[in-house]
Amino acid sequence: IAAAVDIWAQGPAALPPLRPPRTPVLPVEGERNVLITSALPYVNNVPHLGNIIGCVLSADTFARYCRLRGWNTLFVCGTDEYGTATETRALEEGLSPQELCDRYHALHADIYAWFRISFDHFGRTTTPQQTRIAQDIFQRLLARGFLLQDTLEQLRCESCGRYLADRFVEGTCPFCGYGEARGDQCEKCGKLINAVELK
């Protein structure tokens, strides 16, 4: 028990590696190749046990199973650093979005390492490589006619000179009358809302 408490106190650095790192893990012809990921956690909070259970634990369990079977397995994940949640939290903490992402990505990586989640790669959505891949996928979908172009009304804050993302807008739900509905969905009735529809 004393040894376990000592390891607990020292954190992930005290733990032996799960297995030797394999970089890169590439598909092998004639073998069973398995690519695993999970929902990417936002970098707007410190992950807790519920995040781990609901986000990465099942994927980690499956990755371990696949490796035990001898399958060529790649388990990737990373922090989602785009979106209104990041911008909102950065404003609350008085940080730039990049400073917030740097801080919370390191926190997430440390916590997942402490829980010994067996990622082959834990990255970030803001890296140049990720940006190139996402833009390539977008351009291919666009070229093949799979994307729909539409126009959307958006509210603007005159005092700060910015268009407001749906999470910055609150009001009364036009469907059920709930007075604290957000600009994307009413938490009471569950209906999707366009921010300009709020009262």
Protein backbone atom coordinates (compact mmCIF):
# COMPACT_ATOMS: atom_id res chain seq x y z
CA ILE A 1 0.00 0.00 0.00
CA ALA A 2 2.83 2.42 0.83
CA ALA A 3 4.30 1.94 -2.66
CA ALA A 4 0.92 2.64 -4.27
CA VAL A 5 0.48 5.81 -2.19
CA ASP A 6 4.00 6.92 -3.16
CA ILE A 7 3.25 6.41 -6.88
CA TRP A 8 -0.08 8.23 -6.45
CA ALA A 9 1.71 11.21 -4.85
CA GLN A 10 4.36 11.38 -7.59
CA GLY A 11 1.83 11.34 -10.44
CA PRO A 12 2.34 9.94 -13.95
CA ALA A 13 6.13 10.39 -13.98
CA ALA A 14 6.42 7.57 -11.42
CA LEU A 15 4.57 5.08 -13.62
CA PRO A 16 6.36 2.88 -16.13
CA PRO A 17 5.30 3.43 -19.75
CA LEU A 18 2.38 1.33 -20.95
CA ARG A 19 4.46 0.00 -23.83
CA PRO A 20 7.30 1.25 -25.97
CA PRO A 21 6.09 4.09 -28.21
CA ARG A 22 5.55 3.12 -31.84
CA THR A 23 5.90 6.06 -34.14
CA PRO A 24 4.38 6.18 -36.61
CA VAL A 25 1.65 3.53 -36.52
CA LEU A 26 0.81 2.95 -40.17
CA PRO A 27 -1.59 0.52 -41.85
CA VAL A 28 0.00 -2.80 -42.70
CA GLU A 29 -1.28 -4.67 -45.74
CA GLY A 30 -2.64 -8.10 -44.88
CA GLU A 31 -3.09 -7.28 -41.18
CA ARG A 32 -6.11 -6.16 -39.26
CA ASN A 33 -5.67 -2.38 -38.96
CA VAL A 34 -7.78 -0.59 -36.36
CA LEU A 35 -8.09 3.19 -36.01
CA ILE A 36 -9.71 4.35 -32.75
CA THR A 37 -10.64 7.79 -31.50
CA SER A 38 -13.12 9.28 -29.09
CA ALA A 39 -14.97 12.54 -28.70
CA LEU A 40 -12.41 15.31 -28.48
CA PRO A 41 -12.62 17.12 -25.14
CA TYR A 42 -12.93 20.90 -25.17
CA VAL A 43 -10.07 22.75 -23.49
CA ASN A 44 -12.38 24.94 -21.45
CA ASN A 45 -12.16 23.00 -18.19
CA VAL A 46 -10.16 20.59 -16.08
CA PRO A 47 -11.26 17.06 -17.00
CA HIS A 48 -12.92 15.10 -14.22
CA LEU A 49 -13.84 11.45 -13.83
CA GLY A 50 -17.14 11.94 -15.68
CA ASN A 51 -15.28 13.37 -18.69
CA ILE A 52 -12.91 10.41 -18.71
CA ILE A 53 -15.67 7.83 -18.38
CA GLY A 54 -17.91 9.54 -20.93
CA CYS A 55 -15.19 10.49 -23.38
CA VAL A 56 -12.09 8.30 -23.54
CA LEU A 57 -12.37 5.26 -21.25
CA SER A 58 -14.40 3.05 -23.60
CA ALA A 59 -12.07 3.86 -26.51
CA ASP A 60 -9.05 3.12 -24.31
CA THR A 61 -10.55 -0.22 -23.26
CA PHE A 62 -11.17 -1.15 -26.89
CA ALA A 63 -7.65 -0.07 -27.91
CA ARG A 64 -6.15 -2.29 -25.21
CA TYR A 65 -8.33 -5.20 -26.34
CA CYS A 66 -7.23 -4.75 -29.97
CA ARG A 67 -3.56 -4.64 -28.97
CA LEU A 68 -3.95 -7.77 -26.87
CA ARG A 69 -5.41 -9.49 -29.94
CA GLY A 70 -2.26 -8.49 -31.84
CA TRP A 71 -4.06 -6.13 -34.20
CA ASN A 72 -2.22 -3.14 -35.64
CA THR A 73 -3.95 -0.45 -33.58
CA LEU A 74 -3.75 3.33 -33.63
CA PHE A 75 -5.56 5.22 -30.84
CA VAL A 76 -5.64 8.98 -31.42
CA CYS A 77 -7.36 11.82 -29.64
CA GLY A 78 -6.66 15.40 -28.66
CA THR A 79 -8.12 18.59 -27.35
CA ASP A 80 -10.73 20.49 -29.36
CA GLU A 81 -9.45 24.05 -29.25
CA TYR A 82 -11.94 25.74 -31.55
CA GLY A 83 -15.37 27.09 -30.76
CA THR A 84 -17.28 29.36 -28.54
CA ALA A 85 -16.59 27.36 -25.37
CA THR A 86 -12.90 28.18 -25.70
CA GLU A 87 -13.55 31.85 -26.41
CA THR A 88 -16.00 32.15 -23.51
CA ARG A 89 -13.62 30.55 -21.01
CA ALA A 90 -10.68 32.67 -22.22
CA LEU A 91 -12.73 35.83 -21.63
CA GLU A 92 -13.70 34.60 -18.14
CA GLU A 93 -10.06 33.89 -17.23
CA GLY A 94 -8.63 37.04 -18.83
CA LEU A 95 -6.48 35.02 -21.24
CA SER A 96 -6.11 34.93 -24.98
CA PRO A 97 -7.68 31.83 -26.57
CA GLN A 98 -4.15 30.55 -27.39
CA GLU A 99 -2.99 30.97 -23.77
CA LEU A 100 -6.08 29.14 -22.55
CA CYS A 101 -5.56 26.31 -25.06
CA ASP A 102 -1.89 25.91 -24.12
CA ARG A 103 -2.73 25.75 -20.41
CA TYR A 104 -5.65 23.34 -20.65
CA HIS A 105 -4.10 21.07 -23.28
CA ALA A 106 -1.18 20.45 -20.91
CA LEU A 107 -3.63 19.81 -18.05
CA HIS A 108 -5.64 17.33 -20.12
CA ALA A 109 -2.50 15.52 -21.30
CA ASP A 110 -1.21 15.23 -17.71
CA ILE A 111 -4.52 13.95 -16.34
CA TYR A 112 -4.96 11.35 -19.10
CA ALA A 113 -1.35 10.22 -18.56
CA TRP A 114 -2.03 9.93 -14.83
CA PHE A 115 -5.03 7.69 -15.60
CA ARG A 116 -2.78 5.81 -18.04
CA ILE A 117 -5.05 6.29 -21.05
CA SER A 118 -3.14 4.51 -23.80
CA PHE A 119 -3.22 7.07 -26.62
CA ASP A 120 -0.74 6.52 -29.41
CA HIS A 121 -1.08 10.22 -30.13
CA PHE A 122 -2.81 12.95 -28.10
CA GLY A 123 -2.77 16.09 -30.19
CA ARG A 124 -4.51 19.39 -30.72
CA THR A 125 -6.97 20.65 -33.32
CA THR A 126 -4.92 23.84 -33.78
CA THR A 127 -1.71 22.33 -35.13
CA PRO A 128 -0.65 23.12 -38.72
CA GLN A 129 -0.91 19.42 -39.66
CA GLN A 130 -4.47 19.17 -38.28
CA THR A 131 -5.40 22.38 -40.11
CA ARG A 132 -4.05 21.03 -43.43
CA ILE A 133 -5.96 17.75 -42.99
CA ALA A 134 -9.24 19.49 -42.07
CA GLN A 135 -8.95 21.92 -44.98
CA ASP A 136 -8.16 19.09 -47.40
CA ILE A 137 -11.28 17.18 -46.28
CA PHE A 138 -13.36 20.36 -46.61
CA GLN A 139 -12.04 21.10 -50.12
CA ARG A 140 -12.72 17.53 -51.28
CA LEU A 141 -16.30 17.66 -49.95
CA LEU A 142 -16.83 21.06 -51.56
CA ALA A 143 -15.44 19.89 -54.92
CA ARG A 144 -17.79 16.89 -54.91
CA GLY A 145 -20.88 18.99 -54.12
CA PHE A 146 -21.47 17.55 -50.64
CA LEU A 147 -21.62 20.92 -48.85
CA LEU A 148 -24.62 23.21 -48.63
CA GLN A 149 -24.21 26.97 -48.67
CA ASP A 150 -26.72 28.96 -46.65
CA THR A 151 -27.20 32.40 -45.13
CA LEU A 152 -27.79 32.89 -41.42
CA GLU A 153 -28.77 35.98 -39.47
CA GLN A 154 -26.46 36.68 -36.55
CA LEU A 155 -26.67 39.14 -33.68
CA ARG A 156 -23.99 41.78 -33.21
CA CYS A 157 -22.84 43.50 -30.03
CA GLU A 158 -22.46 47.19 -30.81
CA SER A 159 -20.42 47.92 -27.66
CA CYS A 160 -17.70 45.34 -28.38
CA GLY A 161 -18.06 45.37 -32.18
CA ARG A 162 -18.36 41.58 -32.56
CA TYR A 163 -20.88 39.18 -33.97
CA LEU A 164 -22.19 36.99 -31.18
CA ALA A 165 -21.90 33.24 -31.27
CA ASP A 166 -24.99 31.40 -30.03
CA ARG A 167 -23.50 30.74 -26.57
CA PHE A 168 -23.19 34.48 -25.96
CA VAL A 169 -26.92 35.01 -26.46
CA GLU A 170 -29.56 34.30 -23.83
CA GLY A 171 -33.26 35.07 -23.77
CA THR A 172 -36.76 33.61 -23.56
CA CYS A 173 -37.47 30.43 -25.53
CA PRO A 174 -40.05 31.09 -28.27
CA PHE A 175 -41.46 27.56 -27.82
CA CYS A 176 -41.88 27.04 -24.07
CA GLY A 177 -41.24 30.46 -22.56
CA TYR A 178 -38.19 29.41 -20.51
CA GLY A 179 -36.45 32.66 -19.56
CA GLU A 180 -32.82 31.45 -19.59
CA ALA A 181 -32.61 29.75 -22.99
CA ARG A 182 -29.34 29.96 -24.91
CA GLY A 183 -28.97 30.98 -28.50
CA ASP A 184 -28.55 27.41 -29.76
CA GLN A 185 -30.93 25.26 -27.71
CA CYS A 186 -33.43 25.57 -24.91
CA GLU A 187 -32.28 23.59 -21.88
CA LYS A 188 -35.88 23.16 -20.69
CA CYS A 189 -37.76 21.91 -23.77
CA GLY A 190 -34.71 20.76 -25.76
CA LYS A 191 -35.72 22.48 -29.00
CA LEU A 192 -33.04 23.88 -31.28
CA ILE A 193 -33.17 27.65 -31.57
CA ASN A 194 -31.60 30.24 -33.82
CA ALA A 195 -30.32 33.06 -31.57
CA VAL A 196 -32.38 35.68 -33.41
CA GLU A 197 -35.57 33.78 -32.44
CA LEU A 198 -35.06 34.36 -28.71
CA LYS A 199 -37.23 36.98 -27.06
